[in-house]
Protein backbone atom coordinates (compact mmCIF):
# COMPACT_ATOMS: atom_id res chain seq x y z
CA UNK A 1 3.25 112.95 -103.16
CA UNK A 2 0.65 111.37 -100.90
CA UNK A 3 3.33 110.69 -98.29
CA UNK A 4 4.38 114.35 -98.33
CA UNK A 5 0.76 115.53 -98.14
CA UNK A 6 -0.01 113.22 -95.25
CA UNK A 7 3.16 114.32 -93.38
CA UNK A 8 2.23 117.98 -93.88
CA UNK A 9 -1.34 117.47 -92.62
CA UNK A 10 -0.16 115.46 -89.62
CA UNK A 11 2.38 118.04 -88.46
CA UNK A 12 0.81 121.35 -89.57
CA UNK A 13 -2.88 120.80 -88.98
CA UNK A 14 -2.77 122.76 -85.72
CA UNK A 15 -3.57 126.48 -86.28
CA UNK A 16 -1.26 127.41 -83.39
CA UNK A 17 1.67 125.88 -85.29
CA UNK A 18 0.88 128.05 -88.30
CA UNK A 19 0.73 131.09 -86.00
CA UNK A 20 4.05 130.16 -84.39
CA UNK A 21 5.83 129.62 -87.71
CA UNK A 22 4.41 132.87 -89.11
CA UNK A 23 5.65 134.83 -86.10
CA UNK A 24 9.10 133.25 -86.34
CA UNK A 25 9.33 134.08 -90.04
CA UNK A 26 8.37 137.72 -89.38
CA UNK A 27 10.89 138.06 -86.51
CA UNK A 28 13.77 136.43 -88.41
CA UNK A 29 13.03 138.40 -91.60
CA UNK A 30 12.95 141.66 -89.63
CA UNK A 31 16.31 140.93 -88.00
CA UNK A 32 17.94 139.77 -91.26
CA UNK A 33 16.80 142.68 -93.42
CA UNK A 34 16.56 145.45 -90.80
CA UNK A 35 19.13 144.26 -88.27
CA UNK A 36 21.72 146.93 -89.10
CA UNK A 37 19.50 150.04 -88.87
CA UNK A 38 17.74 148.56 -85.81
CA UNK A 39 20.99 147.58 -84.07
CA UNK A 40 20.63 150.20 -81.23
CA UNK A 41 17.10 148.91 -80.58
CA UNK A 42 18.10 145.23 -80.66
CA UNK A 43 21.14 145.87 -78.47
CA UNK A 44 18.93 147.75 -76.01
CA UNK A 45 16.62 144.75 -75.77
CA UNK A 46 19.59 142.53 -74.89
CA UNK A 47 20.91 144.93 -72.25
CA UNK A 48 17.46 145.55 -70.76
CA UNK A 49 16.89 141.80 -70.62
CA UNK A 50 20.19 141.37 -68.80
CA UNK A 51 19.52 144.18 -66.30
CA UNK A 52 15.94 143.09 -65.63
CA UNK A 53 17.07 140.18 -63.44
CA UNK A 54 19.00 142.58 -61.18
CA UNK A 55 15.96 144.87 -60.96
CA UNK A 56 13.71 141.97 -59.97
CA UNK A 57 16.12 141.04 -57.18
CA UNK A 58 16.04 144.60 -55.86
CA UNK A 59 12.24 144.54 -56.02
CA UNK A 60 12.27 141.36 -53.95
CA UNK A 61 13.99 143.47 -51.28
CA UNK A 62 10.84 145.67 -51.26
CA UNK A 63 12.38 148.49 -53.29
CA UNK A 64 9.95 150.31 -55.61
CA UNK A 65 10.25 149.53 -59.34
CA UNK A 66 11.28 153.06 -60.31
CA UNK A 67 13.96 153.22 -57.60
CA UNK A 68 15.30 149.79 -58.61
CA UNK A 69 15.44 150.87 -62.25
CA UNK A 70 17.21 154.11 -61.34
CA UNK A 71 19.87 152.36 -59.23
CA UNK A 72 20.58 149.67 -61.81
CA UNK A 73 20.61 152.15 -64.69
CA UNK A 74 23.03 154.43 -62.79
CA UNK A 75 25.43 151.51 -62.26
CA UNK A 76 25.05 150.55 -65.92
CA UNK A 77 25.86 154.07 -67.14
CA UNK A 78 28.86 154.24 -64.76
CA UNK A 79 30.25 150.99 -66.18
CA UNK A 80 29.56 152.20 -69.72
CA UNK A 81 31.47 155.44 -69.11
CA UNK A 82 34.32 153.45 -67.54
CA UNK A 83 34.47 151.32 -70.69
CA UNK A 84 34.35 154.35 -73.01
CA UNK A 85 36.87 156.56 -71.22
CA UNK A 86 39.34 154.01 -69.83
CA UNK A 87 39.10 150.47 -71.19
CA UNK A 88 38.55 151.32 -74.86
CA UNK A 89 41.34 153.98 -75.00
CA UNK A 90 43.75 151.49 -73.39
CA UNK A 91 42.73 148.83 -75.89
CA UNK A 92 43.22 151.23 -78.80
CA UNK A 93 46.62 152.26 -77.42
CA UNK A 94 47.76 148.64 -77.07
CA UNK A 95 46.51 147.77 -80.55
CA UNK A 96 48.46 150.75 -81.92
CA UNK A 97 51.61 149.63 -80.06
CA UNK A 98 51.16 146.09 -81.34
CA UNK A 99 50.85 147.32 -84.94
CA UNK A 100 54.04 149.36 -84.52
CA UNK A 101 55.84 146.31 -83.13
CA UNK A 102 54.77 144.03 -85.97
CA UNK A 103 57.84 144.75 -88.17
CA UNK A 104 60.12 143.85 -85.24
CA UNK A 105 58.11 140.71 -84.53
CA UNK A 106 58.20 139.83 -88.22
CA UNK A 107 61.97 140.15 -88.50
CA UNK A 108 62.47 138.15 -85.29
CA UNK A 109 60.12 135.43 -86.50
CA UNK A 110 61.73 135.22 -89.93
CA UNK A 111 65.19 135.04 -88.39
CA UNK A 112 63.98 132.21 -86.16
CA UNK A 113 62.63 130.33 -89.21
CA UNK A 114 65.86 130.85 -91.17
CA UNK A 115 67.88 129.31 -88.33
CA UNK A 116 65.70 126.22 -88.10
CA UNK A 117 67.77 124.23 -90.67
CA UNK A 118 70.92 124.98 -88.66
CA UNK A 119 69.40 124.04 -85.31
CA UNK A 120 67.25 121.13 -86.52
CA UNK A 121 68.80 119.85 -89.80
CA UNK A 122 67.09 116.47 -89.53
CA UNK A 123 63.62 118.03 -89.21
CA UNK A 124 63.57 120.92 -91.71
CA UNK A 125 65.64 121.69 -94.80
CA UNK A 126 66.86 125.04 -96.17
CA UNK A 127 64.33 124.92 -99.04
CA UNK A 128 61.47 124.24 -96.64
CA UNK A 129 62.55 127.13 -94.43
CA UNK A 130 62.73 129.45 -97.46
CA UNK A 131 59.26 128.40 -98.59
CA UNK A 132 57.89 128.92 -95.08
CA UNK A 133 59.52 132.36 -94.90
CA UNK A 134 58.02 133.52 -98.20
CA UNK A 135 54.60 132.19 -97.19
CA UNK A 136 54.67 134.02 -93.85
CA UNK A 137 55.78 137.25 -95.55
CA UNK A 138 53.00 137.14 -98.17
CA UNK A 139 50.32 136.25 -95.60
CA UNK A 140 51.36 139.07 -93.26
CA UNK A 141 51.44 141.55 -96.17
CA UNK A 142 47.90 140.61 -97.10
CA UNK A 143 46.84 140.83 -93.47
CA UNK A 144 48.36 144.31 -93.20
CA UNK A 145 46.40 145.48 -96.24
CA UNK A 146 43.20 144.12 -94.70
CA UNK A 147 43.91 145.95 -91.43
CA UNK A 148 44.44 149.23 -93.30
CA UNK A 149 41.19 148.81 -95.24
CA UNK A 150 39.29 148.00 -92.03
CA UNK A 151 40.81 151.06 -90.30
CA UNK A 152 39.82 153.36 -93.18
CA UNK A 153 36.29 151.99 -93.36
CA UNK A 154 35.87 152.17 -89.58
CA UNK A 155 36.78 155.88 -89.69
CA UNK A 156 33.59 156.56 -91.62
CA UNK A 157 31.52 154.70 -89.02
CA UNK A 158 32.48 157.00 -86.15
CA UNK A 159 29.24 158.99 -86.44
CA UNK A 160 27.07 155.86 -86.44
CA UNK A 161 28.98 154.51 -83.43
CA UNK A 162 28.39 157.80 -81.60
CA UNK A 163 24.67 157.62 -82.34
CA UNK A 164 24.67 154.01 -81.16
CA UNK A 165 26.35 154.92 -77.85
CA UNK A 166 23.93 157.79 -77.19
CA UNK A 167 20.70 156.03 -78.20
CA UNK A 168 21.29 152.67 -76.53
CA UNK A 169 21.31 153.88 -72.87
CA UNK A 170 18.20 156.00 -73.52
CA UNK A 171 16.35 153.03 -75.00
CA UNK A 172 17.50 150.76 -72.17
CA UNK A 173 16.15 153.17 -69.54
CA UNK A 174 12.71 153.46 -71.09
CA UNK A 175 12.51 149.70 -71.76
CA UNK A 176 13.17 149.06 -68.08
CA UNK A 177 10.97 151.87 -66.79
CA UNK A 178 7.96 151.19 -69.05
CA UNK A 179 8.33 147.41 -69.34
CA UNK A 180 4.68 146.61 -68.62
CA UNK A 181 3.34 149.21 -71.06
CA UNK A 182 5.66 148.02 -73.85
CA UNK A 183 4.77 144.35 -73.33
CA UNK A 184 1.07 145.21 -73.22
CA UNK A 185 1.39 147.09 -76.51
CA UNK A 186 3.07 144.13 -78.19
CA UNK A 187 0.49 141.74 -76.72
CA UNK A 188 -2.24 143.55 -78.68
CA UNK A 189 -0.82 142.10 -81.90
CA UNK A 190 -0.71 138.50 -80.69
CA UNK A 191 -3.48 136.15 -81.82
CA UNK A 192 -5.91 135.07 -79.10
CA UNK A 193 -5.22 131.39 -79.69
CA UNK A 194 -1.45 131.42 -79.08
CA UNK A 195 -1.03 129.03 -76.15
CA UNK A 196 1.66 127.03 -77.98
CA UNK A 197 3.67 130.18 -78.69
CA UNK A 198 3.41 131.32 -75.07
CA UNK A 199 4.43 127.90 -73.72
CA UNK A 200 7.51 127.92 -75.93
CA UNK A 201 8.29 131.50 -74.93
CA UNK A 202 8.18 130.59 -71.21
CA UNK A 203 10.81 127.87 -71.74
CA UNK A 204 12.94 129.98 -74.09
CA UNK A 205 12.70 133.01 -71.78
CA UNK A 206 14.08 131.00 -68.87
CA UNK A 207 16.83 129.45 -70.97
CA UNK A 208 17.91 132.73 -72.60
CA UNK A 209 17.89 134.55 -69.25
CA UNK A 210 20.09 131.91 -67.62
CA UNK A 211 22.38 131.81 -70.65
CA UNK A 212 22.88 135.57 -71.03
CA UNK A 213 23.55 136.11 -67.32
CA UNK A 214 25.90 133.13 -67.20
CA UNK A 215 27.76 134.13 -70.35
CA UNK A 216 28.33 137.71 -69.15
CA UNK A 217 29.65 136.38 -65.84
CA UNK A 218 31.89 133.92 -67.68
CA UNK A 219 33.33 136.66 -69.92
CA UNK A 220 34.04 138.86 -66.87
CA UNK A 221 35.57 136.11 -64.71
CA UNK A 222 37.74 134.56 -67.45
CA UNK A 223 38.89 137.99 -68.67
CA UNK A 224 39.71 139.22 -65.15
CA UNK A 225 41.59 136.07 -64.08
CA UNK A 226 43.55 136.05 -67.35
CA UNK A 227 44.40 139.75 -66.94
CA UNK A 228 45.71 139.12 -63.40
CA UNK A 229 47.82 136.23 -64.74
CA UNK A 230 49.32 138.35 -67.52
CA UNK A 231 50.04 141.21 -65.12
CA UNK A 232 51.87 138.84 -62.75
CA UNK A 233 54.11 137.73 -65.62
CA UNK A 234 54.41 141.32 -66.91
CA UNK A 235 53.20 140.21 -70.34
CA UNK A 236 52.85 142.97 -72.92
CA UNK A 237 49.38 143.96 -74.17
CA UNK A 238 47.81 142.36 -71.07
CA UNK A 239 44.44 144.13 -71.31
CA UNK A 240 44.12 143.46 -75.04
CA UNK A 241 44.94 139.75 -74.71
CA UNK A 242 42.76 139.34 -71.61
CA UNK A 243 39.85 141.02 -73.39
CA UNK A 244 40.26 138.67 -76.34
CA UNK A 245 40.37 135.71 -73.95
CA UNK A 246 37.21 136.86 -72.17
CA UNK A 247 35.22 137.26 -75.38
CA UNK A 248 36.60 134.01 -76.78
CA UNK A 249 34.14 132.11 -74.58
CA UNK A 250 31.38 133.32 -76.92
CA UNK A 251 32.52 130.69 -79.43
CA UNK A 252 32.70 127.36 -77.58
CA UNK A 253 35.63 125.09 -78.40
CA UNK A 254 36.85 127.32 -81.26
CA UNK A 255 37.36 130.66 -79.49
CA UNK A 256 39.89 129.41 -76.94
CA UNK A 257 41.96 127.73 -79.66
CA UNK A 258 42.03 130.88 -81.81
CA UNK A 259 43.00 133.22 -78.95
CA UNK A 260 45.83 130.89 -77.92
CA UNK A 261 47.72 131.84 -81.10
CA UNK A 262 48.24 135.60 -80.39
CA UNK A 263 48.94 134.89 -76.71
CA UNK A 264 51.61 132.33 -77.61
CA UNK A 265 53.16 134.64 -80.23
CA UNK A 266 53.34 137.67 -77.93
CA UNK A 267 54.77 135.57 -75.09
CA UNK A 268 57.32 133.98 -77.43
CA UNK A 269 58.51 137.28 -78.91
CA UNK A 270 58.79 138.79 -75.43
CA UNK A 271 60.37 135.88 -73.52
CA UNK A 272 61.57 133.44 -76.21
CA UNK A 273 61.93 129.75 -75.33
CA UNK A 274 62.19 130.43 -71.60
CA UNK A 275 60.56 129.27 -68.38
CA UNK A 276 58.39 132.41 -68.35
CA UNK A 277 56.94 131.44 -71.74
CA UNK A 278 56.27 127.90 -70.52
CA UNK A 279 54.62 129.05 -67.29
CA UNK A 280 52.39 131.54 -69.12
CA UNK A 281 51.15 128.88 -71.53
CA UNK A 282 50.68 126.30 -68.74
CA UNK A 283 48.77 128.79 -66.58
CA UNK A 284 46.63 129.85 -69.54
CA UNK A 285 45.86 126.19 -70.24
CA UNK A 286 44.83 125.66 -66.60
CA UNK A 287 42.45 128.63 -66.86
CA UNK A 288 40.85 127.13 -69.96
CA UNK A 289 40.50 123.73 -68.25
CA UNK A 290 38.91 125.28 -65.15
CA UNK A 291 36.60 127.34 -67.34
CA UNK A 292 35.35 124.32 -69.26
CA UNK A 293 35.14 121.86 -66.37
CA UNK A 294 34.28 124.01 -63.33
CA UNK A 295 33.02 127.48 -64.27
CA UNK A 296 30.77 126.54 -67.20
CA UNK A 297 28.96 123.68 -65.38
CA UNK A 298 28.42 125.99 -62.39
CA UNK A 299 27.14 128.99 -64.37
CA UNK A 300 25.05 127.02 -66.85
CA UNK A 301 23.65 124.30 -64.61
CA UNK A 302 20.10 125.44 -65.40
CA UNK A 303 20.63 125.72 -69.16
CA UNK A 304 19.76 122.78 -71.38
CA UNK A 305 22.90 121.03 -72.60
CA UNK A 306 23.24 120.80 -76.37
CA UNK A 307 25.44 118.44 -78.30
CA UNK A 308 28.80 120.00 -79.34
CA UNK A 309 27.94 119.42 -83.01
CA UNK A 310 24.67 121.35 -82.54
CA UNK A 311 26.54 124.20 -80.83
CA UNK A 312 29.17 124.48 -83.58
CA UNK A 313 26.53 124.37 -86.34
CA UNK A 314 24.49 127.04 -84.51
CA UNK A 315 27.56 129.29 -84.13
CA UNK A 316 28.45 128.94 -87.83
CA UNK A 317 24.86 129.45 -89.05
CA UNK A 318 23.70 132.32 -86.86
CA UNK A 319 27.16 133.96 -86.82
CA UNK A 320 27.15 133.94 -90.62
CA UNK A 321 23.75 135.68 -90.65
CA UNK A 322 24.07 138.21 -87.80
CA UNK A 323 27.79 138.45 -87.06
CA UNK A 324 28.71 139.15 -83.41
CA UNK A 325 25.16 138.99 -82.07
CA UNK A 326 24.55 135.79 -84.00
CA UNK A 327 27.56 134.21 -82.29
CA UNK A 328 26.49 135.57 -78.89
CA UNK A 329 22.95 134.19 -79.19
CA UNK A 330 23.80 131.03 -81.14
CA UNK A 331 23.20 128.76 -78.14
CA UNK A 332 19.94 130.46 -77.01
CA UNK A 333 18.65 130.34 -80.59
CA UNK A 334 19.58 126.66 -80.82
CA UNK A 335 17.77 126.18 -77.50
CA UNK A 336 14.72 127.91 -78.97
CA UNK A 337 14.75 125.53 -81.92
CA UNK A 338 15.02 122.62 -79.49
CA UNK A 339 12.11 124.02 -77.44
CA UNK A 340 9.97 124.30 -80.57
CA UNK A 341 10.73 120.69 -81.46
CA UNK A 342 9.89 119.56 -77.92
CA UNK A 343 6.61 121.48 -77.96
CA UNK A 344 5.61 120.19 -81.41
CA UNK A 345 2.56 117.93 -81.75
CA UNK A 346 2.95 114.42 -80.40
CA UNK A 347 2.97 112.92 -83.88
CA UNK A 348 6.31 114.60 -84.61
CA UNK A 349 7.70 113.36 -81.29
CA UNK A 350 6.67 109.86 -82.23
CA UNK A 351 8.45 110.25 -85.55
CA UNK A 352 11.62 111.29 -83.71
CA UNK A 353 11.40 108.25 -81.44
CA UNK A 354 11.03 106.01 -84.46
CA UNK A 355 14.03 107.67 -86.06
CA UNK A 356 16.11 107.07 -82.92
CA UNK A 357 15.10 103.40 -82.80
CA UNK A 358 16.04 102.93 -86.44
């Protein structure tokens, strides 16, 4: 008990640490319990944060703040309308076509499995093929029921999605336009003695800014290059598969592996065991290699590198709490935790050094 008491006094005797922990608890509790109703507000913060860097660059060219905000917001709204009226309808159309093609794909796949004992008798038996066929059928039936339930439930969320689409641009505009006033209002609630919190925020602000800008660029570049590749090979559902590939970079290591499955299946059902199938998969693999070894180091050169285990744990933890946004901000949140540890009192740093030596 004395050891625990002494550890607590050594690491929590600084009032600024108590302030920092209290603020983190309030922020995390607000997001956990009020994240869904506040989703337009939280999404607006993310978008405003992303657009702010572009506005600052325009201001460096001696453009007034209001003019810079107006130009950037106009481009943002144009891209949003393009997404709403072209990209999303195309995605919905391709998803609908894919759902209609599933019975054909299923019969083709089952026929391929049934012929495996004839083509490869030394590898798979008739009983194994029958078991595999029944397993695939049951899994796809369950998946189809889940898709129907998701479609029905999503129908009732159309109104909330409409409200989200309308409110978010309005909030983004006023956050950009009245940035100083909003920050000054929030600053009124900060304790006077909050130097530790501000020092951590400076580091986290830089890291999150670099990460968000880099991740958006990575999604766009990977998605666009993959779309061009699929168009060259005339692969079906090109926009849908390219979109999935672009957003797969949100989940390091795992996302690329998961998206490979639908790409391989669509390519196989369209081309079979042909050279086109092989070239598509080889080209897709080259894109993934270039993304991990060239694009990511270039885009995230200013972001602190985290261990792969830390990244995966952060994705699982924050994704389980906040879903999509938790996955998107898993690495910045892990960076924030790392910044807090680095800014902790020296006694804790000494403990970490001792732990490393042991």
